[in-house]
Amino acid sequence: RGCLESGGRVNFEKTAEVIIRDLRSGRLGRLTL
């Protein structure tokens, strides 16, 4: 998802934001927690 820092390292905080945003927007699909 392109959550990268300089040097190509994955930024875990940005990755977390993507996952949370996918859940809240419904992009993950319809689910109940």
PDB file of all heavy atoms in Angstrom:
ATOM      1  N   ARG A   1       0.809  -1.209   0.000  1.00  0.00           N
ATOM      2  CA  ARG A   1       0.000   0.000   0.000  1.00  0.00           C
ATOM      3  C   ARG A   1       0.850   1.271   0.000  1.00  0.00           C
ATOM      4  O   ARG A   1       0.325   2.368   0.174  1.00  0.00           O
ATOM      5  CB  ARG A   1      -0.936   0.001   1.224  1.00  0.00           C
ATOM      6  CG  ARG A   1      -1.922  -1.173   1.244  1.00  0.00           C
ATOM      7  CD  ARG A   1      -2.923  -1.113   0.093  1.00  0.00           C
ATOM      8  NE  ARG A   1      -3.827  -0.017   0.260  1.00  0.00           N
ATOM      9  CZ  ARG A   1      -4.937  -0.056   0.991  1.00  0.00           C
ATOM     10  NH1 ARG A   1      -5.283  -1.175   1.615  1.00  0.00           N
ATOM     11  NH2 ARG A   1      -5.712   0.996   1.085  1.00  0.00           N
ATOM     12  N   GLY A   2       2.151   1.134  -0.168  1.00  0.00           N
ATOM     13  CA  GLY A   2       3.011   2.304  -0.304  1.00  0.00           C
ATOM     14  C   GLY A   2       3.293   3.051   0.984  1.00  0.00           C
ATOM     15  O   GLY A   2       3.608   4.242   0.954  1.00  0.00           O
ATOM     16  N   CYS A   3       3.224   2.352   2.115  1.00  0.00           N
ATOM     17  CA  CYS A   3       3.494   2.996   3.414  1.00  0.00           C
ATOM     18  C   CYS A   3       4.992   2.885   3.718  1.00  0.00           C
ATOM     19  O   CYS A   3       5.407   2.196   4.661  1.00  0.00           O
ATOM     20  CB  CYS A   3       2.679   2.331   4.518  1.00  0.00           C
ATOM     21  SG  CYS A   3       0.896   2.349   4.228  1.00  0.00           S
ATOM     22  N   LEU A   4       5.798   3.581   2.943  1.00  0.00           N
ATOM     23  CA  LEU A   4       7.248   3.417   3.013  1.00  0.00           C
ATOM     24  C   LEU A   4       7.951   4.687   3.472  1.00  0.00           C
ATOM     25  O   LEU A   4       7.496   5.797   3.217  1.00  0.00           O
ATOM     26  CB  LEU A   4       7.794   3.004   1.644  1.00  0.00           C
ATOM     27  CG  LEU A   4       7.188   1.731   1.005  1.00  0.00           C
ATOM     28  CD1 LEU A   4       7.749   1.525  -0.393  1.00  0.00           C
ATOM     29  CD2 LEU A   4       7.454   0.522   1.887  1.00  0.00           C
ATOM     30  N   GLU A   5       9.046   4.490   4.186  1.00  0.00           N
ATOM     31  CA  GLU A   5       9.923   5.588   4.578  1.00  0.00           C
ATOM     32  C   GLU A   5      11.123   5.619   3.645  1.00  0.00           C
ATOM     33  O   GLU A   5      11.261   4.757   2.761  1.00  0.00           O
ATOM     34  CB  GLU A   5      10.385   5.379   6.030  1.00  0.00           C
ATOM     35  CG  GLU A   5       9.254   5.344   7.035  1.00  0.00           C
ATOM     36  CD  GLU A   5       9.758   5.005   8.431  1.00  0.00           C
ATOM     37  OE1 GLU A   5      10.900   4.491   8.547  1.00  0.00           O
ATOM     38  OE2 GLU A   5       9.012   5.243   9.406  1.00  0.00           O
ATOM     39  N   SER A   6      11.981   6.609   3.850  1.00  0.00           N
ATOM     40  CA  SER A   6      13.208   6.647   3.051  1.00  0.00           C
ATOM     41  C   SER A   6      14.020   5.388   3.323  1.00  0.00           C
ATOM     42  O   SER A   6      14.105   4.909   4.452  1.00  0.00           O
ATOM     43  CB  SER A   6      14.045   7.881   3.425  1.00  0.00           C
ATOM     44  OG  SER A   6      14.354   7.873   4.806  1.00  0.00           O
ATOM     45  N   GLY A   7      14.594   4.851   2.268  1.00  0.00           N
ATOM     46  CA  GLY A   7      15.326   3.600   2.390  1.00  0.00           C
ATOM     47  C   GLY A   7      14.449   2.387   2.149  1.00  0.00           C
ATOM     48  O   GLY A   7      14.922   1.249   2.223  1.00  0.00           O
ATOM     49  N   GLY A   8      13.151   2.629   1.890  1.00  0.00           N
ATOM     50  CA  GLY A   8      12.261   1.518   1.563  1.00  0.00           C
ATOM     51  C   GLY A   8      11.686   0.790   2.760  1.00  0.00           C
ATOM     52  O   GLY A   8      11.009  -0.233   2.609  1.00  0.00           O
ATOM     53  N   ARG A   9      11.925   1.291   3.982  1.00  0.00           N
ATOM     54  CA  ARG A   9      11.379   0.648   5.174  1.00  0.00           C
ATOM     55  C   ARG A   9       9.880   0.927   5.290  1.00  0.00           C
ATOM     56  O   ARG A   9       9.413   2.018   4.960  1.00  0.00           O
ATOM     57  CB  ARG A   9      12.090   1.145   6.440  1.00  0.00           C
ATOM     58  CG  ARG A   9      13.541   0.709   6.557  1.00  0.00           C
ATOM     59  CD  ARG A   9      14.100   1.071   7.931  1.00  0.00           C
ATOM     60  NE  ARG A   9      13.976   2.492   8.201  1.00  0.00           N
ATOM     61  CZ  ARG A   9      14.871   3.402   7.829  1.00  0.00           C
ATOM     62  NH1 ARG A   9      15.952   3.028   7.150  1.00  0.00           N
ATOM     63  NH2 ARG A   9      14.694   4.682   8.119  1.00  0.00           N
ATOM     64  N   VAL A  10       9.153  -0.069   5.775  1.00  0.00           N
ATOM     65  CA  VAL A  10       7.705   0.088   5.967  1.00  0.00           C
ATOM     66  C   VAL A  10       7.447   0.890   7.237  1.00  0.00           C
ATOM     67  O   VAL A  10       8.020   0.617   8.292  1.00  0.00           O
ATOM     68  CB  VAL A  10       7.017  -1.287   6.060  1.00  0.00           C
ATOM     69  CG1 VAL A  10       5.549  -1.129   6.492  1.00  0.00           C
ATOM     70  CG2 VAL A  10       7.082  -2.015   4.721  1.00  0.00           C
ATOM     71  N   ASN A  11       6.589   1.900   7.119  1.00  0.00           N
ATOM     72  CA  ASN A  11       6.171   2.703   8.262  1.00  0.00           C
ATOM     73  C   ASN A  11       4.953   2.014   8.888  1.00  0.00           C
ATOM     74  O   ASN A  11       3.859   2.007   8.320  1.00  0.00           O
ATOM     75  CB  ASN A  11       5.813   4.121   7.802  1.00  0.00           C
ATOM     76  CG  ASN A  11       5.445   5.034   8.959  1.00  0.00           C
ATOM     77  OD1 ASN A  11       4.659   4.673   9.828  1.00  0.00           O
ATOM     78  ND2 ASN A  11       6.004   6.243   8.944  1.00  0.00           N
ATOM     79  N   PHE A  12       5.149   1.431  10.069  1.00  0.00           N
ATOM     80  CA  PHE A  12       4.088   0.646  10.699  1.00  0.00           C
ATOM     81  C   PHE A  12       2.894   1.507  11.115  1.00  0.00           C
ATOM     82  O   PHE A  12       1.749   1.050  11.068  1.00  0.00           O
ATOM     83  CB  PHE A  12       4.635  -0.112  11.912  1.00  0.00           C
ATOM     84  CG  PHE A  12       5.273  -1.427  11.558  1.00  0.00           C
ATOM     85  CD1 PHE A  12       5.863  -1.629  10.319  1.00  0.00           C
ATOM     86  CD2 PHE A  12       5.288  -2.478  12.467  1.00  0.00           C
ATOM     87  CE1 PHE A  12       6.448  -2.840   9.977  1.00  0.00           C
ATOM     88  CE2 PHE A  12       5.869  -3.700  12.135  1.00  0.00           C
ATOM     89  CZ  PHE A  12       6.447  -3.880  10.899  1.00  0.00           C
ATOM     90  N   GLU A  13       3.144   2.755  11.521  1.00  0.00           N
ATOM     91  CA  GLU A  13       2.034   3.612  11.922  1.00  0.00           C
ATOM     92  C   GLU A  13       1.136   3.936  10.727  1.00  0.00           C
ATOM     93  O   GLU A  13      -0.103   3.876  10.830  1.00  0.00           O
ATOM     94  CB  GLU A  13       2.532   4.906  12.560  1.00  0.00           C
ATOM     95  CG  GLU A  13       1.384   5.775  13.072  1.00  0.00           C
ATOM     96  CD  GLU A  13       1.860   7.029  13.809  1.00  0.00           C
ATOM     97  OE1 GLU A  13       3.077   7.230  13.923  1.00  0.00           O
ATOM     98  OE2 GLU A  13       0.989   7.793  14.253  1.00  0.00           O
ATOM     99  N   LYS A  14       1.737   4.247   9.585  1.00  0.00           N
ATOM    100  CA  LYS A  14       0.944   4.513   8.379  1.00  0.00           C
ATOM    101  C   LYS A  14       0.199   3.255   7.930  1.00  0.00           C
ATOM    102  O   LYS A  14      -0.935   3.323   7.455  1.00  0.00           O
ATOM    103  CB  LYS A  14       1.849   5.025   7.263  1.00  0.00           C
ATOM    104  CG  LYS A  14       2.318   6.462   7.461  1.00  0.00           C
ATOM    105  CD  LYS A  14       3.126   6.944   6.265  1.00  0.00           C
ATOM    106  CE  LYS A  14       3.553   8.399   6.437  1.00  0.00           C
ATOM    107  NZ  LYS A  14       4.367   8.882   5.295  1.00  0.00           N
ATOM    108  N   THR A  15       0.863   2.108   8.072  1.00  0.00           N
ATOM    109  CA  THR A  15       0.217   0.840   7.721  1.00  0.00           C
ATOM    110  C   THR A  15      -1.005   0.615   8.615  1.00  0.00           C
ATOM    111  O   THR A  15      -2.071   0.199   8.138  1.00  0.00           O
ATOM    112  CB  THR A  15       1.202  -0.325   7.886  1.00  0.00           C
ATOM    113  OG1 THR A  15       2.347  -0.094   7.063  1.00  0.00           O
ATOM    114  CG2 THR A  15       0.553  -1.642   7.483  1.00  0.00           C
ATOM    115  N   ALA A  16      -0.853   0.892   9.899  1.00  0.00           N
ATOM    116  CA  ALA A  16      -1.969   0.751  10.833  1.00  0.00           C
ATOM    117  C   ALA A  16      -3.125   1.661  10.428  1.00  0.00           C
ATOM    118  O   ALA A  16      -4.303   1.266  10.476  1.00  0.00           O
ATOM    119  CB  ALA A  16      -1.509   1.058  12.253  1.00  0.00           C
ATOM    120  N   GLU A  17      -2.813   2.884  10.029  1.00  0.00           N
ATOM    121  CA  GLU A  17      -3.851   3.827   9.595  1.00  0.00           C
ATOM    122  C   GLU A  17      -4.609   3.291   8.394  1.00  0.00           C
ATOM    123  O   GLU A  17      -5.829   3.453   8.293  1.00  0.00           O
ATOM    124  CB  GLU A  17      -3.216   5.180   9.268  1.00  0.00           C
ATOM    125  CG  GLU A  17      -2.723   5.942  10.494  1.00  0.00           C
ATOM    126  CD  GLU A  17      -1.935   7.197  10.132  1.00  0.00           C
ATOM    127  OE1 GLU A  17      -1.710   7.425   8.916  1.00  0.00           O
ATOM    128  OE2 GLU A  17      -1.547   7.943  11.047  1.00  0.00           O
ATOM    129  N   VAL A  18      -3.904   2.643   7.478  1.00  0.00           N
ATOM    130  CA  VAL A  18      -4.546   2.045   6.301  1.00  0.00           C
ATOM    131  C   VAL A  18      -5.520   0.958   6.721  1.00  0.00           C
ATOM    132  O   VAL A  18      -6.666   0.900   6.245  1.00  0.00           O
ATOM    133  CB  VAL A  18      -3.482   1.465   5.342  1.00  0.00           C
ATOM    134  CG1 VAL A  18      -4.125   0.530   4.317  1.00  0.00           C
ATOM    135  CG2 VAL A  18      -2.744   2.589   4.617  1.00  0.00           C
ATOM    136  N   ILE A  19      -5.088   0.086   7.618  1.00  0.00           N
ATOM    137  CA  ILE A  19      -5.940  -1.025   8.071  1.00  0.00           C
ATOM    138  C   ILE A  19      -7.186  -0.499   8.765  1.00  0.00           C
ATOM    139  O   ILE A  19      -8.315  -0.945   8.489  1.00  0.00           O
ATOM    140  CB  ILE A  19      -5.140  -1.954   9.013  1.00  0.00           C
ATOM    141  CG1 ILE A  19      -3.994  -2.627   8.246  1.00  0.00           C
ATOM    142  CG2 ILE A  19      -6.052  -3.016   9.632  1.00  0.00           C
ATOM    143  CD1 ILE A  19      -2.957  -3.293   9.135  1.00  0.00           C
ATOM    144  N   ILE A  20      -7.005   0.464   9.657  1.00  0.00           N
ATOM    145  CA  ILE A  20      -8.149   1.030  10.393  1.00  0.00           C
ATOM    146  C   ILE A  20      -9.101   1.740   9.434  1.00  0.00           C
ATOM    147  O   ILE A  20     -10.330   1.591   9.528  1.00  0.00           O
ATOM    148  CB  ILE A  20      -7.647   2.003  11.481  1.00  0.00           C
ATOM    149  CG1 ILE A  20      -6.861   1.236  12.555  1.00  0.00           C
ATOM    150  CG2 ILE A  20      -8.812   2.758  12.112  1.00  0.00           C
ATOM    151  CD1 ILE A  20      -6.104   2.122  13.523  1.00  0.00           C
ATOM    152  N   ARG A  21      -8.544   2.498   8.502  1.00  0.00           N
ATOM    153  CA  ARG A  21      -9.377   3.207   7.522  1.00  0.00           C
ATOM    154  C   ARG A  21     -10.142   2.222   6.640  1.00  0.00           C
ATOM    155  O   ARG A  21     -11.316   2.450   6.308  1.00  0.00           O
ATOM    156  CB  ARG A  21      -8.489   4.117   6.673  1.00  0.00           C
ATOM    157  CG  ARG A  21      -9.261   5.109   5.811  1.00  0.00           C
ATOM    158  CD  ARG A  21      -8.368   6.241   5.337  1.00  0.00           C
ATOM    159  NE  ARG A  21      -7.205   5.767   4.593  1.00  0.00           N
ATOM    160  CZ  ARG A  21      -5.944   5.930   4.984  1.00  0.00           C
ATOM    161  NH1 ARG A  21      -5.661   6.558   6.108  1.00  0.00           N
ATOM    162  NH2 ARG A  21      -4.944   5.486   4.229  1.00  0.00           N
ATOM    163  N   ASP A  22      -9.514   1.126   6.268  1.00  0.00           N
ATOM    164  CA  ASP A  22     -10.193   0.111   5.450  1.00  0.00           C
ATOM    165  C   ASP A  22     -11.375  -0.491   6.193  1.00  0.00           C
ATOM    166  O   ASP A  22     -12.425  -0.766   5.604  1.00  0.00           O
ATOM    167  CB  ASP A  22      -9.207  -0.992   5.049  1.00  0.00           C
ATOM    168  CG  ASP A  22      -8.287  -0.577   3.909  1.00  0.00           C
ATOM    169  OD1 ASP A  22      -8.506   0.492   3.313  1.00  0.00           O
ATOM    170  OD2 ASP A  22      -7.331  -1.340   3.611  1.00  0.00           O
ATOM    171  N   LEU A  23     -11.209  -0.703   7.503  1.00  0.00           N
ATOM    172  CA  LEU A  23     -12.311  -1.244   8.294  1.00  0.00           C
ATOM    173  C   LEU A  23     -13.449  -0.237   8.381  1.00  0.00           C
ATOM    174  O   LEU A  23     -14.603  -0.569   8.098  1.00  0.00           O
ATOM    175  CB  LEU A  23     -11.834  -1.594   9.706  1.00  0.00           C
ATOM    176  CG  LEU A  23     -12.959  -1.984  10.671  1.00  0.00           C
ATOM    177  CD1 LEU A  23     -13.327  -3.449  10.487  1.00  0.00           C
ATOM    178  CD2 LEU A  23     -12.595  -1.716  12.111  1.00  0.00           C
ATOM    179  N   ARG A  24     -13.141   0.994   8.752  1.00  0.00           N
ATOM    180  CA  ARG A  24     -14.185   2.000   8.988  1.00  0.00           C
ATOM    181  C   ARG A  24     -14.950   2.348   7.718  1.00  0.00           C
ATOM    182  O   ARG A  24     -16.140   2.656   7.766  1.00  0.00           O
ATOM    183  CB  ARG A  24     -13.555   3.261   9.584  1.00  0.00           C
ATOM    184  CG  ARG A  24     -13.005   3.057  10.982  1.00  0.00           C
ATOM    185  CD  ARG A  24     -12.338   4.313  11.515  1.00  0.00           C
ATOM    186  NE  ARG A  24     -11.732   4.114  12.829  1.00  0.00           N
ATOM    187  CZ  ARG A  24     -11.003   5.016  13.461  1.00  0.00           C
ATOM    188  NH1 ARG A  24     -10.788   6.209  12.912  1.00  0.00           N
ATOM    189  NH2 ARG A  24     -10.481   4.743  14.647  1.00  0.00           N
ATOM    190  N   SER A  25     -14.278   2.314   6.590  1.00  0.00           N
ATOM    191  CA  SER A  25     -14.927   2.690   5.326  1.00  0.00           C
ATOM    192  C   SER A  25     -15.698   1.557   4.689  1.00  0.00           C
ATOM    193  O   SER A  25     -16.460   1.769   3.748  1.00  0.00           O
ATOM    194  CB  SER A  25     -13.862   3.185   4.337  1.00  0.00           C
ATOM    195  OG  SER A  25     -12.991   2.118   3.985  1.00  0.00           O
ATOM    196  N   GLY A  26     -15.503   0.339   5.187  1.00  0.00           N
ATOM    197  CA  GLY A  26     -16.158  -0.821   4.581  1.00  0.00           C
ATOM    198  C   GLY A  26     -15.372  -1.456   3.464  1.00  0.00           C
ATOM    199  O   GLY A  26     -15.844  -2.413   2.833  1.00  0.00           O
ATOM    200  N   ARG A  27     -14.157  -0.969   3.197  1.00  0.00           N
ATOM    201  CA  ARG A  27     -13.349  -1.566   2.121  1.00  0.00           C
ATOM    202  C   ARG A  27     -12.923  -2.997   2.437  1.00  0.00           C
ATOM    203  O   ARG A  27     -12.617  -3.778   1.534  1.00  0.00           O
ATOM    204  CB  ARG A  27     -12.105  -0.706   1.851  1.00  0.00           C
ATOM    205  CG  ARG A  27     -12.406   0.666   1.262  1.00  0.00           C
ATOM    206  CD  ARG A  27     -11.133   1.374   0.820  1.00  0.00           C
ATOM    207  NE  ARG A  27     -11.382   2.761   0.473  1.00  0.00           N
ATOM    208  CZ  ARG A  27     -11.163   3.794   1.277  1.00  0.00           C
ATOM    209  NH1 ARG A  27     -10.681   3.573   2.500  1.00  0.00           N
ATOM    210  NH2 ARG A  27     -11.417   5.028   0.899  1.00  0.00           N
ATOM    211  N   LEU A  28     -12.873  -3.330   3.715  1.00  0.00           N
ATOM    212  CA  LEU A  28     -12.547  -4.704   4.095  1.00  0.00           C
ATOM    213  C   LEU A  28     -13.723  -5.649   3.849  1.00  0.00           C
ATOM    214  O   LEU A  28     -13.563  -6.861   3.867  1.00  0.00           O
ATOM    215  CB  LEU A  28     -12.161  -4.764   5.578  1.00  0.00           C
ATOM    216  CG  LEU A  28     -10.709  -4.434   5.920  1.00  0.00           C
ATOM    217  CD1 LEU A  28     -10.532  -4.302   7.424  1.00  0.00           C
ATOM    218  CD2 LEU A  28      -9.781  -5.499   5.365  1.00  0.00           C
ATOM    219  N   GLY A  29     -14.895  -5.086   3.641  1.00  0.00           N
ATOM    220  CA  GLY A  29     -16.097  -5.897   3.489  1.00  0.00           C
ATOM    221  C   GLY A  29     -17.012  -5.717   4.686  1.00  0.00           C
ATOM    222  O   GLY A  29     -16.679  -5.021   5.648  1.00  0.00           O
ATOM    223  N   ARG A  30     -18.169  -6.331   4.641  1.00  0.00           N
ATOM    224  CA  ARG A  30     -19.137  -6.215   5.728  1.00  0.00           C
ATOM    225  C   ARG A  30     -18.771  -7.199   6.836  1.00  0.00           C
ATOM    226  O   ARG A  30     -18.721  -8.413   6.613  1.00  0.00           O
ATOM    227  CB  ARG A  30     -20.549  -6.480   5.205  1.00  0.00           C
ATOM    228  CG  ARG A  30     -20.991  -5.463   4.166  1.00  0.00           C
ATOM    229  CD  ARG A  30     -22.389  -5.719   3.656  1.00  0.00           C
ATOM    230  NE  ARG A  30     -23.384  -5.527   4.702  1.00  0.00           N
ATOM    231  CZ  ARG A  30     -24.698  -5.583   4.496  1.00  0.00           C
ATOM    232  NH1 ARG A  30     -25.166  -5.812   3.271  1.00  0.00           N
ATOM    233  NH2 ARG A  30     -25.556  -5.388   5.474  1.00  0.00           N
ATOM    234  N   LEU A  31     -18.500  -6.678   8.005  1.00  0.00           N
ATOM    235  CA  LEU A  31     -18.072  -7.537   9.108  1.00  0.00           C
ATOM    236  C   LEU A  31     -18.543  -6.989  10.440  1.00  0.00           C
ATOM    237  O   LEU A  31     -18.795  -5.803  10.587  1.00  0.00           O
ATOM    238  CB  LEU A  31     -16.552  -7.711   9.113  1.00  0.00           C
ATOM    239  CG  LEU A  31     -15.689  -6.457   9.154  1.00  0.00           C
ATOM    240  CD1 LEU A  31     -15.349  -6.101  10.596  1.00  0.00           C
ATOM    241  CD2 LEU A  31     -14.413  -6.648   8.367  1.00  0.00           C
ATOM    242  N   THR A  32     -18.706  -7.885  11.399  1.00  0.00           N
ATOM    243  CA  THR A  32     -19.120  -7.542  12.749  1.00  0.00           C
ATOM    244  C   THR A  32     -18.057  -8.020  13.718  1.00  0.00           C
ATOM    245  O   THR A  32     -17.559  -9.145  13.584  1.00  0.00           O
ATOM    246  CB  THR A  32     -20.480  -8.193  13.091  1.00  0.00           C
ATOM    247  OG1 THR A  32     -21.441  -7.762  12.107  1.00  0.00           O
ATOM    248  CG2 THR A  32     -20.973  -7.800  14.462  1.00  0.00           C
ATOM    249  N   LEU A  33     -17.685  -7.167  14.668  1.00  0.00           N
ATOM    250  CA  LEU A  33     -16.542  -7.440  15.529  1.00  0.00           C
ATOM    251  C   LEU A  33     -16.883  -8.192  16.810  1.00  0.00           C
ATOM    252  O   LEU A  33     -15.999  -8.409  17.644  1.00  0.00           O
ATOM    253  CB  LEU A  33     -15.832  -6.125  15.880  1.00  0.00           C
ATOM    254  CG  LEU A  33     -15.167  -5.405  14.692  1.00  0.00           C
ATOM    255  CD1 LEU A  33     -14.637  -4.045  15.127  1.00  0.00           C
ATOM    256  CD2 LEU A  33     -14.042  -6.250  14.110  1.00  0.00           C
TER     257      LEU A  33
END
